[in-house]
């Protein structure tokens, strides 16, 4: 028997941590006076990557919300980094 119990994750916390917080970082800190475009993208991508990695190591399962946050931040930040037209977001 294992003493280790898998805690039930909080979906609201996961969405805030993996989607909204990285998006906020991209919107507010990607200017040249703060982090710059590249570093804002790197910092924003770190949140879902670290959370998803911890979830994979700790509970041995894939976290869909972390993957969704990673893809969302990568698309949004990549479009901003490449200075593409905003129609690509739609």
PDB file of N, CA and C in Angstrom:
ATOM      1  N   UNK A   1       0.835  -1.194   0.000  1.00  0.00           N
ATOM      2  CA  UNK A   1       0.000   0.000   0.000  1.00  0.00           C
ATOM      3  C   UNK A   1       0.867   1.240   0.000  1.00  0.00           C
ATOM      4  N   UNK A   2       0.373   2.227  -0.658  1.00  0.00           N
ATOM      5  CA  UNK A   2       1.125   3.474  -0.775  1.00  0.00           C
ATOM      6  C   UNK A   2       0.511   4.534   0.125  1.00  0.00           C
ATOM      7  N   UNK A   3       1.362   5.260   0.818  1.00  0.00           N
ATOM      8  CA  UNK A   3       0.915   6.366   1.658  1.00  0.00           C
ATOM      9  C   UNK A   3       0.640   7.612   0.839  1.00  0.00           C
ATOM     10  N   UNK A   4       1.112   7.611  -0.379  1.00  0.00           N
ATOM     11  CA  UNK A   4       1.003   8.775  -1.243  1.00  0.00           C
ATOM     12  C   UNK A   4      -0.399   8.851  -1.836  1.00  0.00           C
ATOM     13  N   UNK A   5      -1.057   9.994  -1.669  1.00  0.00           N
ATOM     14  CA  UNK A   5      -2.387  10.187  -2.231  1.00  0.00           C
ATOM     15  C   UNK A   5      -2.318  11.266  -3.296  1.00  0.00           C
ATOM     16  N   UNK A   6      -3.015  11.052  -4.379  1.00  0.00           N
ATOM     17  CA  UNK A   6      -3.084  12.043  -5.441  1.00  0.00           C
ATOM     18  C   UNK A   6      -4.172  13.049  -5.104  1.00  0.00           C
ATOM     19  N   UNK A   7      -3.759  14.296  -4.945  1.00  0.00           N
ATOM     20  CA  UNK A   7      -4.733  15.339  -4.651  1.00  0.00           C
ATOM     21  C   UNK A   7      -5.522  15.659  -5.911  1.00  0.00           C
ATOM     22  N   UNK A   8      -6.779  15.966  -5.712  1.00  0.00           N
ATOM     23  CA  UNK A   8      -7.616  16.402  -6.820  1.00  0.00           C
ATOM     24  C   UNK A   8      -7.220  17.821  -7.168  1.00  0.00           C
ATOM     25  N   UNK A   9      -6.921  18.075  -8.423  1.00  0.00           N
ATOM     26  CA  UNK A   9      -6.487  19.406  -8.827  1.00  0.00           C
ATOM     27  C   UNK A   9      -7.687  20.343  -8.949  1.00  0.00           C
ATOM     28  N   UNK A  10      -7.412  21.608  -8.763  1.00  0.00           N
ATOM     29  CA  UNK A  10      -8.437  22.641  -8.849  1.00  0.00           C
ATOM     30  C   UNK A  10      -8.424  23.208 -10.266  1.00  0.00           C
ATOM     31  N   UNK A  11      -9.460  22.956 -11.053  1.00  0.00           N
ATOM     32  CA  UNK A  11      -9.474  23.419 -12.442  1.00  0.00           C
ATOM     33  C   UNK A  11      -9.401  24.942 -12.577  1.00  0.00           C
ATOM     34  N   UNK A  12     -10.018  25.667 -11.658  1.00  0.00           N
ATOM     35  CA  UNK A  12      -9.965  27.131 -11.727  1.00  0.00           C
ATOM     36  C   UNK A  12      -8.539  27.623 -11.535  1.00  0.00           C
ATOM     37  N   UNK A  13      -7.821  27.054 -10.560  1.00  0.00           N
ATOM     38  CA  UNK A  13      -6.427  27.428 -10.345  1.00  0.00           C
ATOM     39  C   UNK A  13      -5.589  27.094 -11.574  1.00  0.00           C
ATOM     40  N   UNK A  14      -5.824  25.922 -12.164  1.00  0.00           N
ATOM     41  CA  UNK A  14      -5.066  25.515 -13.340  1.00  0.00           C
ATOM     42  C   UNK A  14      -5.286  26.466 -14.506  1.00  0.00           C
ATOM     43  N   UNK A  15      -6.518  26.889 -14.723  1.00  0.00           N
ATOM     44  CA  UNK A  15      -6.810  27.813 -15.824  1.00  0.00           C
ATOM     45  C   UNK A  15      -6.162  29.171 -15.575  1.00  0.00           C
ATOM     46  N   UNK A  16      -6.256  29.666 -14.346  1.00  0.00           N
ATOM     47  CA  UNK A  16      -5.634  30.953 -14.024  1.00  0.00           C
ATOM     48  C   UNK A  16      -4.121  30.866 -14.181  1.00  0.00           C
ATOM     49  N   UNK A  17      -3.507  29.821 -13.654  1.00  0.00           N
ATOM     50  CA  UNK A  17      -2.051  29.686 -13.655  1.00  0.00           C
ATOM     51  C   UNK A  17      -1.495  29.386 -15.042  1.00  0.00           C
ATOM     52  N   UNK A  18      -2.204  28.599 -15.846  1.00  0.00           N
ATOM     53  CA  UNK A  18      -1.680  28.151 -17.131  1.00  0.00           C
ATOM     54  C   UNK A  18      -2.158  28.952 -18.329  1.00  0.00           C
ATOM     55  N   UNK A  19      -3.235  29.711 -18.188  1.00  0.00           N
ATOM     56  CA  UNK A  19      -3.764  30.455 -19.330  1.00  0.00           C
ATOM     57  C   UNK A  19      -3.788  31.954 -19.056  1.00  0.00           C
ATOM     58  N   UNK A  20      -4.476  32.376 -17.994  1.00  0.00           N
ATOM     59  CA  UNK A  20      -4.650  33.809 -17.765  1.00  0.00           C
ATOM     60  C   UNK A  20      -3.374  34.517 -17.318  1.00  0.00           C
ATOM     61  N   UNK A  21      -2.633  33.943 -16.404  1.00  0.00           N
ATOM     62  CA  UNK A  21      -1.395  34.575 -15.934  1.00  0.00           C
ATOM     63  C   UNK A  21      -0.358  34.716 -17.058  1.00  0.00           C
ATOM     64  N   UNK A  22      -0.095  33.674 -17.851  1.00  0.00           N
ATOM     65  CA  UNK A  22       0.826  33.865 -18.977  1.00  0.00           C
ATOM     66  C   UNK A  22       0.323  34.883 -20.008  1.00  0.00           C
ATOM     67  N   UNK A  23      -0.985  34.897 -20.257  1.00  0.00           N
ATOM     68  CA  UNK A  23      -1.534  35.885 -21.191  1.00  0.00           C
ATOM     69  C   UNK A  23      -1.366  37.295 -20.647  1.00  0.00           C
ATOM     70  N   UNK A  24      -1.560  37.461 -19.351  1.00  0.00           N
ATOM     71  CA  UNK A  24      -1.362  38.760 -18.714  1.00  0.00           C
ATOM     72  C   UNK A  24       0.096  39.209 -18.847  1.00  0.00           C
ATOM     73  N   UNK A  25       1.018  38.286 -18.650  1.00  0.00           N
ATOM     74  CA  UNK A  25       2.445  38.607 -18.793  1.00  0.00           C
ATOM     75  C   UNK A  25       2.747  39.047 -20.221  1.00  0.00           C
ATOM     76  N   UNK A  26       2.188  38.345 -21.190  1.00  0.00           N
ATOM     77  CA  UNK A  26       2.412  38.725 -22.585  1.00  0.00           C
ATOM     78  C   UNK A  26       1.852  40.113 -22.884  1.00  0.00           C
ATOM     79  N   UNK A  27       0.675  40.418 -22.346  1.00  0.00           N
ATOM     80  CA  UNK A  27       0.050  41.710 -22.636  1.00  0.00           C
ATOM     81  C   UNK A  27       0.740  42.866 -21.940  1.00  0.00           C
ATOM     82  N   UNK A  28       1.095  42.694 -20.686  1.00  0.00           N
ATOM     83  CA  UNK A  28       1.592  43.815 -19.889  1.00  0.00           C
ATOM     84  C   UNK A  28       3.106  43.973 -19.876  1.00  0.00           C
ATOM     85  N   UNK A  29       3.856  42.913 -20.071  1.00  0.00           N
ATOM     86  CA  UNK A  29       5.308  42.987 -19.900  1.00  0.00           C
ATOM     87  C   UNK A  29       6.107  42.735 -21.173  1.00  0.00           C
ATOM     88  N   UNK A  30       5.448  42.721 -22.333  1.00  0.00           N
ATOM     89  CA  UNK A  30       6.183  42.450 -23.560  1.00  0.00           C
ATOM     90  C   UNK A  30       6.729  43.716 -24.218  1.00  0.00           C
ATOM     91  N   UNK A  31       6.486  44.868 -23.622  1.00  0.00           N
ATOM     92  CA  UNK A  31       7.035  46.108 -24.167  1.00  0.00           C
ATOM     93  C   UNK A  31       8.525  46.209 -23.903  1.00  0.00           C
ATOM     94  N   UNK A  32       9.185  47.054 -24.658  1.00  0.00           N
ATOM     95  CA  UNK A  32      10.634  47.214 -24.514  1.00  0.00           C
ATOM     96  C   UNK A  32      11.030  47.792 -23.156  1.00  0.00           C
ATOM     97  N   UNK A  33      10.133  48.515 -22.496  1.00  0.00           N
ATOM     98  CA  UNK A  33      10.447  49.091 -21.182  1.00  0.00           C
ATOM     99  C   UNK A  33      10.401  48.049 -20.066  1.00  0.00           C
ATOM    100  N   UNK A  34       9.857  46.878 -20.349  1.00  0.00           N
ATOM    101  CA  UNK A  34       9.776  45.812 -19.339  1.00  0.00           C
ATOM    102  C   UNK A  34      10.682  44.647 -19.743  1.00  0.00           C
ATOM    103  N   UNK A  35      10.095  43.535 -20.154  1.00  0.00           N
ATOM    104  CA  UNK A  35      10.867  42.336 -20.492  1.00  0.00           C
ATOM    105  C   UNK A  35      11.294  42.282 -21.954  1.00  0.00           C
ATOM    106  N   UNK A  36      10.527  42.872 -22.814  1.00  0.00           N
ATOM    107  CA  UNK A  36      10.762  42.722 -24.247  1.00  0.00           C
ATOM    108  C   UNK A  36       9.949  41.551 -24.765  1.00  0.00           C
ATOM    109  N   UNK A  37       9.821  41.460 -26.054  1.00  0.00           N
ATOM    110  CA  UNK A  37       8.952  40.452 -26.654  1.00  0.00           C
ATOM    111  C   UNK A  37       9.429  39.028 -26.399  1.00  0.00           C
ATOM    112  N   UNK A  38      10.694  38.784 -26.607  1.00  0.00           N
ATOM    113  CA  UNK A  38      11.224  37.415 -26.478  1.00  0.00           C
ATOM    114  C   UNK A  38      11.182  36.944 -25.034  1.00  0.00           C
ATOM    115  N   UNK A  39      11.649  37.772 -24.098  1.00  0.00           N
ATOM    116  CA  UNK A  39      11.688  37.345 -22.702  1.00  0.00           C
ATOM    117  C   UNK A  39      10.284  37.229 -22.108  1.00  0.00           C
ATOM    118  N   UNK A  40       9.360  38.073 -22.544  1.00  0.00           N
ATOM    119  CA  UNK A  40       7.975  37.933 -22.080  1.00  0.00           C
ATOM    120  C   UNK A  40       7.401  36.599 -22.536  1.00  0.00           C
ATOM    121  N   UNK A  41       7.711  36.205 -23.769  1.00  0.00           N
ATOM    122  CA  UNK A  41       7.247  34.909 -24.271  1.00  0.00           C
ATOM    123  C   UNK A  41       7.876  33.765 -23.488  1.00  0.00           C
ATOM    124  N   UNK A  42       9.170  33.859 -23.199  1.00  0.00           N
ATOM    125  CA  UNK A  42       9.859  32.810 -22.446  1.00  0.00           C
ATOM    126  C   UNK A  42       9.281  32.682 -21.037  1.00  0.00           C
ATOM    127  N   UNK A  43       9.069  33.805 -20.364  1.00  0.00           N
ATOM    128  CA  UNK A  43       8.511  33.778 -19.001  1.00  0.00           C
ATOM    129  C   UNK A  43       7.084  33.251 -19.023  1.00  0.00           C
ATOM    130  N   UNK A  44       6.290  33.691 -19.995  1.00  0.00           N
ATOM    131  CA  UNK A  44       4.902  33.229 -20.084  1.00  0.00           C
ATOM    132  C   UNK A  44       4.828  31.732 -20.383  1.00  0.00           C
ATOM    133  N   UNK A  45       5.721  31.229 -21.229  1.00  0.00           N
ATOM    134  CA  UNK A  45       5.724  29.798 -21.538  1.00  0.00           C
ATOM    135  C   UNK A  45       6.208  28.963 -20.367  1.00  0.00           C
ATOM    136  N   UNK A  46       6.983  29.560 -19.489  1.00  0.00           N
ATOM    137  CA  UNK A  46       7.514  28.815 -18.343  1.00  0.00           C
ATOM    138  C   UNK A  46       6.400  28.337 -17.415  1.00  0.00           C
ATOM    139  N   UNK A  47       5.338  29.109 -17.265  1.00  0.00           N
ATOM    140  CA  UNK A  47       4.260  28.725 -16.351  1.00  0.00           C
ATOM    141  C   UNK A  47       3.611  27.402 -16.740  1.00  0.00           C
ATOM    142  N   UNK A  48       3.053  27.257 -17.955  1.00  0.00           N
ATOM    143  CA  UNK A  48       2.443  25.960 -18.279  1.00  0.00           C
ATOM    144  C   UNK A  48       3.457  24.821 -18.417  1.00  0.00           C
ATOM    145  N   UNK A  49       4.680  25.122 -18.848  1.00  0.00           N
ATOM    146  CA  UNK A  49       5.677  24.058 -18.984  1.00  0.00           C
ATOM    147  C   UNK A  49       6.049  23.502 -17.614  1.00  0.00           C
ATOM    148  N   UNK A  50       6.322  24.386 -16.663  1.00  0.00           N
ATOM    149  CA  UNK A  50       6.702  23.937 -15.320  1.00  0.00           C
ATOM    150  C   UNK A  50       5.539  23.221 -14.640  1.00  0.00           C
ATOM    151  N   UNK A  51       4.345  23.790 -14.728  1.00  0.00           N
ATOM    152  CA  UNK A  51       3.181  23.165 -14.089  1.00  0.00           C
ATOM    153  C   UNK A  51       2.883  21.801 -14.705  1.00  0.00           C
ATOM    154  N   UNK A  52       2.901  21.725 -16.036  1.00  0.00           N
ATOM    155  CA  UNK A  52       2.644  20.448 -16.705  1.00  0.00           C
ATOM    156  C   UNK A  52       3.714  19.423 -16.392  1.00  0.00           C
ATOM    157  N   UNK A  53       4.970  19.868 -16.319  1.00  0.00           N
ATOM    158  CA  UNK A  53       6.064  18.956 -15.969  1.00  0.00           C
ATOM    159  C   UNK A  53       5.945  18.439 -14.561  1.00  0.00           C
ATOM    160  N   UNK A  54       5.604  19.319 -13.638  1.00  0.00           N
ATOM    161  CA  UNK A  54       5.415  18.890 -12.242  1.00  0.00           C
ATOM    162  C   UNK A  54       4.262  17.904 -12.123  1.00  0.00           C
ATOM    163  N   UNK A  55       3.186  18.163 -12.835  1.00  0.00           N
ATOM    164  CA  UNK A  55       2.027  17.269 -12.818  1.00  0.00           C
ATOM    165  C   UNK A  55       2.395  15.902 -13.400  1.00  0.00           C
ATOM    166  N   UNK A  56       3.181  15.908 -14.456  1.00  0.00           N
ATOM    167  CA  UNK A  56       3.600  14.655 -15.084  1.00  0.00           C
ATOM    168  C   UNK A  56       4.507  13.855 -14.161  1.00  0.00           C
ATOM    169  N   UNK A  57       5.437  14.523 -13.491  1.00  0.00           N
ATOM    170  CA  UNK A  57       6.355  13.837 -12.580  1.00  0.00           C
ATOM    171  C   UNK A  57       5.630  13.369 -11.324  1.00  0.00           C
ATOM    172  N   UNK A  58       4.826  14.256 -10.744  1.00  0.00           N
ATOM    173  CA  UNK A  58       4.175  13.949  -9.472  1.00  0.00           C
ATOM    174  C   UNK A  58       3.068  12.906  -9.607  1.00  0.00           C
ATOM    175  N   UNK A  59       2.191  13.082 -10.586  1.00  0.00           N
ATOM    176  CA  UNK A  59       1.017  12.208 -10.689  1.00  0.00           C
ATOM    177  C   UNK A  59       1.073  11.239 -11.867  1.00  0.00           C
ATOM    178  N   UNK A  60       2.150  11.311 -12.655  1.00  0.00           N
ATOM    179  CA  UNK A  60       2.318  10.420 -13.810  1.00  0.00           C
ATOM    180  C   UNK A  60       1.144  10.511 -14.780  1.00  0.00           C
ATOM    181  N   UNK A  61       0.655  11.742 -14.980  1.00  0.00           N
ATOM    182  CA  UNK A  61      -0.424  11.919 -15.951  1.00  0.00           C
ATOM    183  C   UNK A  61      -0.254  13.244 -16.680  1.00  0.00           C
ATOM    184  N   UNK A  62      -0.765  13.276 -17.893  1.00  0.00           N
ATOM    185  CA  UNK A  62      -0.701  14.434 -18.761  1.00  0.00           C
ATOM    186  C   UNK A  62      -1.751  15.448 -18.319  1.00  0.00           C
ATOM    187  N   UNK A  63      -1.384  16.725 -18.253  1.00  0.00           N
ATOM    188  CA  UNK A  63      -2.317  17.765 -17.844  1.00  0.00           C
ATOM    189  C   UNK A  63      -2.783  18.519 -19.075  1.00  0.00           C
ATOM    190  N   UNK A  64      -4.057  18.364 -19.413  1.00  0.00           N
ATOM    191  CA  UNK A  64      -4.620  18.983 -20.611  1.00  0.00           C
ATOM    192  C   UNK A  64      -4.637  20.500 -20.516  1.00  0.00           C
ATOM    193  N   UNK A  65      -4.947  21.049 -19.354  1.00  0.00           N
ATOM    194  CA  UNK A  65      -5.031  22.504 -19.210  1.00  0.00           C
ATOM    195  C   UNK A  65      -3.651  23.140 -19.359  1.00  0.00           C
ATOM    196  N   UNK A  66      -2.614  22.498 -18.857  1.00  0.00           N
ATOM    197  CA  UNK A  66      -1.252  23.010 -19.046  1.00  0.00           C
ATOM    198  C   UNK A  66      -0.874  22.981 -20.522  1.00  0.00           C
ATOM    199  N   UNK A  67      -1.248  21.931 -21.222  1.00  0.00           N
ATOM    200  CA  UNK A  67      -0.965  21.850 -22.660  1.00  0.00           C
ATOM    201  C   UNK A  67      -1.742  22.920 -23.421  1.00  0.00           C
ATOM    202  N   UNK A  68      -2.989  23.135 -23.039  1.00  0.00           N
ATOM    203  CA  UNK A  68      -3.796  24.179 -23.662  1.00  0.00           C
ATOM    204  C   UNK A  68      -3.174  25.552 -23.429  1.00  0.00           C
ATOM    205  N   UNK A  69      -2.714  25.807 -22.213  1.00  0.00           N
ATOM    206  CA  UNK A  69      -2.055  27.075 -21.904  1.00  0.00           C
ATOM    207  C   UNK A  69      -0.782  27.253 -22.691  1.00  0.00           C
ATOM    208  N   UNK A  70       0.004  26.192 -22.827  1.00  0.00           N
ATOM    209  CA  UNK A  70       1.245  26.252 -23.594  1.00  0.00           C
ATOM    210  C   UNK A  70       0.967  26.598 -25.055  1.00  0.00           C
ATOM    211  N   UNK A  71       0.015  25.914 -25.663  1.00  0.00           N
ATOM    212  CA  UNK A  71      -0.320  26.159 -27.069  1.00  0.00           C
ATOM    213  C   UNK A  71      -0.878  27.569 -27.242  1.00  0.00           C
ATOM    214  N   UNK A  72      -1.731  27.995 -26.332  1.00  0.00           N
ATOM    215  CA  UNK A  72      -2.318  29.331 -26.407  1.00  0.00           C
ATOM    216  C   UNK A  72      -1.250  30.413 -26.322  1.00  0.00           C
ATOM    217  N   UNK A  73      -0.355  30.290 -25.358  1.00  0.00           N
ATOM    218  CA  UNK A  73       0.710  31.277 -25.186  1.00  0.00           C
ATOM    219  C   UNK A  73       1.678  31.231 -26.365  1.00  0.00           C
ATOM    220  N   UNK A  74       1.990  30.035 -26.840  1.00  0.00           N
ATOM    221  CA  UNK A  74       2.909  29.899 -27.970  1.00  0.00           C
ATOM    222  C   UNK A  74       2.332  30.552 -29.222  1.00  0.00           C
ATOM    223  N   UNK A  75       1.052  30.333 -29.489  1.00  0.00           N
ATOM    224  CA  UNK A  75       0.433  30.953 -30.656  1.00  0.00           C
ATOM    225  C   UNK A  75       0.365  32.466 -30.521  1.00  0.00           C
ATOM    226  N   UNK A  76      -0.117  32.935 -29.395  1.00  0.00           N
ATOM    227  CA  UNK A  76      -0.253  34.375 -29.184  1.00  0.00           C
ATOM    228  C   UNK A  76       1.108  35.067 -29.188  1.00  0.00           C
ATOM    229  N   UNK A  77       2.046  34.522 -28.441  1.00  0.00           N
ATOM    230  CA  UNK A  77       3.381  35.111 -28.376  1.00  0.00           C
ATOM    231  C   UNK A  77       4.136  34.973 -29.678  1.00  0.00           C
ATOM    232  N   UNK A  78       3.963  33.851 -30.352  1.00  0.00           N
ATOM    233  CA  UNK A  78       4.635  33.647 -31.638  1.00  0.00           C
ATOM    234  C   UNK A  78       4.146  34.618 -32.693  1.00  0.00           C
ATOM    235  N   UNK A  79       2.855  34.865 -32.709  1.00  0.00           N
ATOM    236  CA  UNK A  79       2.301  35.836 -33.650  1.00  0.00           C
ATOM    237  C   UNK A  79       2.828  37.226 -33.341  1.00  0.00           C
ATOM    238  N   UNK A  80       2.904  37.574 -32.060  1.00  0.00           N
ATOM    239  CA  UNK A  80       3.458  38.872 -31.681  1.00  0.00           C
ATOM    240  C   UNK A  80       4.940  38.971 -31.967  1.00  0.00           C
ATOM    241  N   UNK A  81       5.657  37.903 -31.728  1.00  0.00           N
ATOM    242  CA  UNK A  81       7.104  37.889 -31.946  1.00  0.00           C
ATOM    243  C   UNK A  81       7.446  38.008 -33.433  1.00  0.00           C
ATOM    244  N   UNK A  82       6.693  37.331 -34.256  1.00  0.00           N
ATOM    245  CA  UNK A  82       6.924  37.380 -35.698  1.00  0.00           C
ATOM    246  C   UNK A  82       6.264  38.594 -36.356  1.00  0.00           C
ATOM    247  N   UNK A  83       5.563  39.376 -35.552  1.00  0.00           N
ATOM    248  CA  UNK A  83       4.866  40.583 -36.009  1.00  0.00           C
ATOM    249  C   UNK A  83       3.917  40.288 -37.167  1.00  0.00           C
ATOM    250  N   UNK A  84       3.168  39.209 -37.033  1.00  0.00           N
ATOM    251  CA  UNK A  84       2.186  38.831 -38.030  1.00  0.00           C
ATOM    252  C   UNK A  84       0.897  39.630 -37.841  1.00  0.00           C
ATOM    253  N   UNK A  85       0.051  39.612 -38.829  1.00  0.00           N
ATOM    254  CA  UNK A  85      -1.225  40.294 -38.750  1.00  0.00           C
ATOM    255  C   UNK A  85      -2.104  39.632 -37.696  1.00  0.00           C
ATOM    256  N   UNK A  86      -2.878  40.427 -36.987  1.00  0.00           N
ATOM    257  CA  UNK A  86      -3.714  39.896 -35.902  1.00  0.00           C
ATOM    258  C   UNK A  86      -4.836  38.998 -36.416  1.00  0.00           C
ATOM    259  N   UNK A  87      -5.062  38.953 -37.700  1.00  0.00           N
ATOM    260  CA  UNK A  87      -6.057  38.028 -38.252  1.00  0.00           C
ATOM    261  C   UNK A  87      -5.694  36.583 -37.981  1.00  0.00           C
ATOM    262  N   UNK A  88      -4.390  36.306 -37.742  1.00  0.00           N
ATOM    263  CA  UNK A  88      -3.949  34.958 -37.464  1.00  0.00           C
ATOM    264  C   UNK A  88      -4.504  34.460 -36.145  1.00  0.00           C
ATOM    265  N   UNK A  89      -4.821  35.352 -35.229  1.00  0.00           N
ATOM    266  CA  UNK A  89      -5.398  34.944 -33.946  1.00  0.00           C
ATOM    267  C   UNK A  89      -6.809  34.409 -34.113  1.00  0.00           C
ATOM    268  N   UNK A  90      -7.536  34.965 -35.043  1.00  0.00           N
ATOM    269  CA  UNK A  90      -8.916  34.535 -35.272  1.00  0.00           C
ATOM    270  C   UNK A  90      -8.894  33.171 -35.909  1.00  0.00           C
TER     271      UNK A  90
END
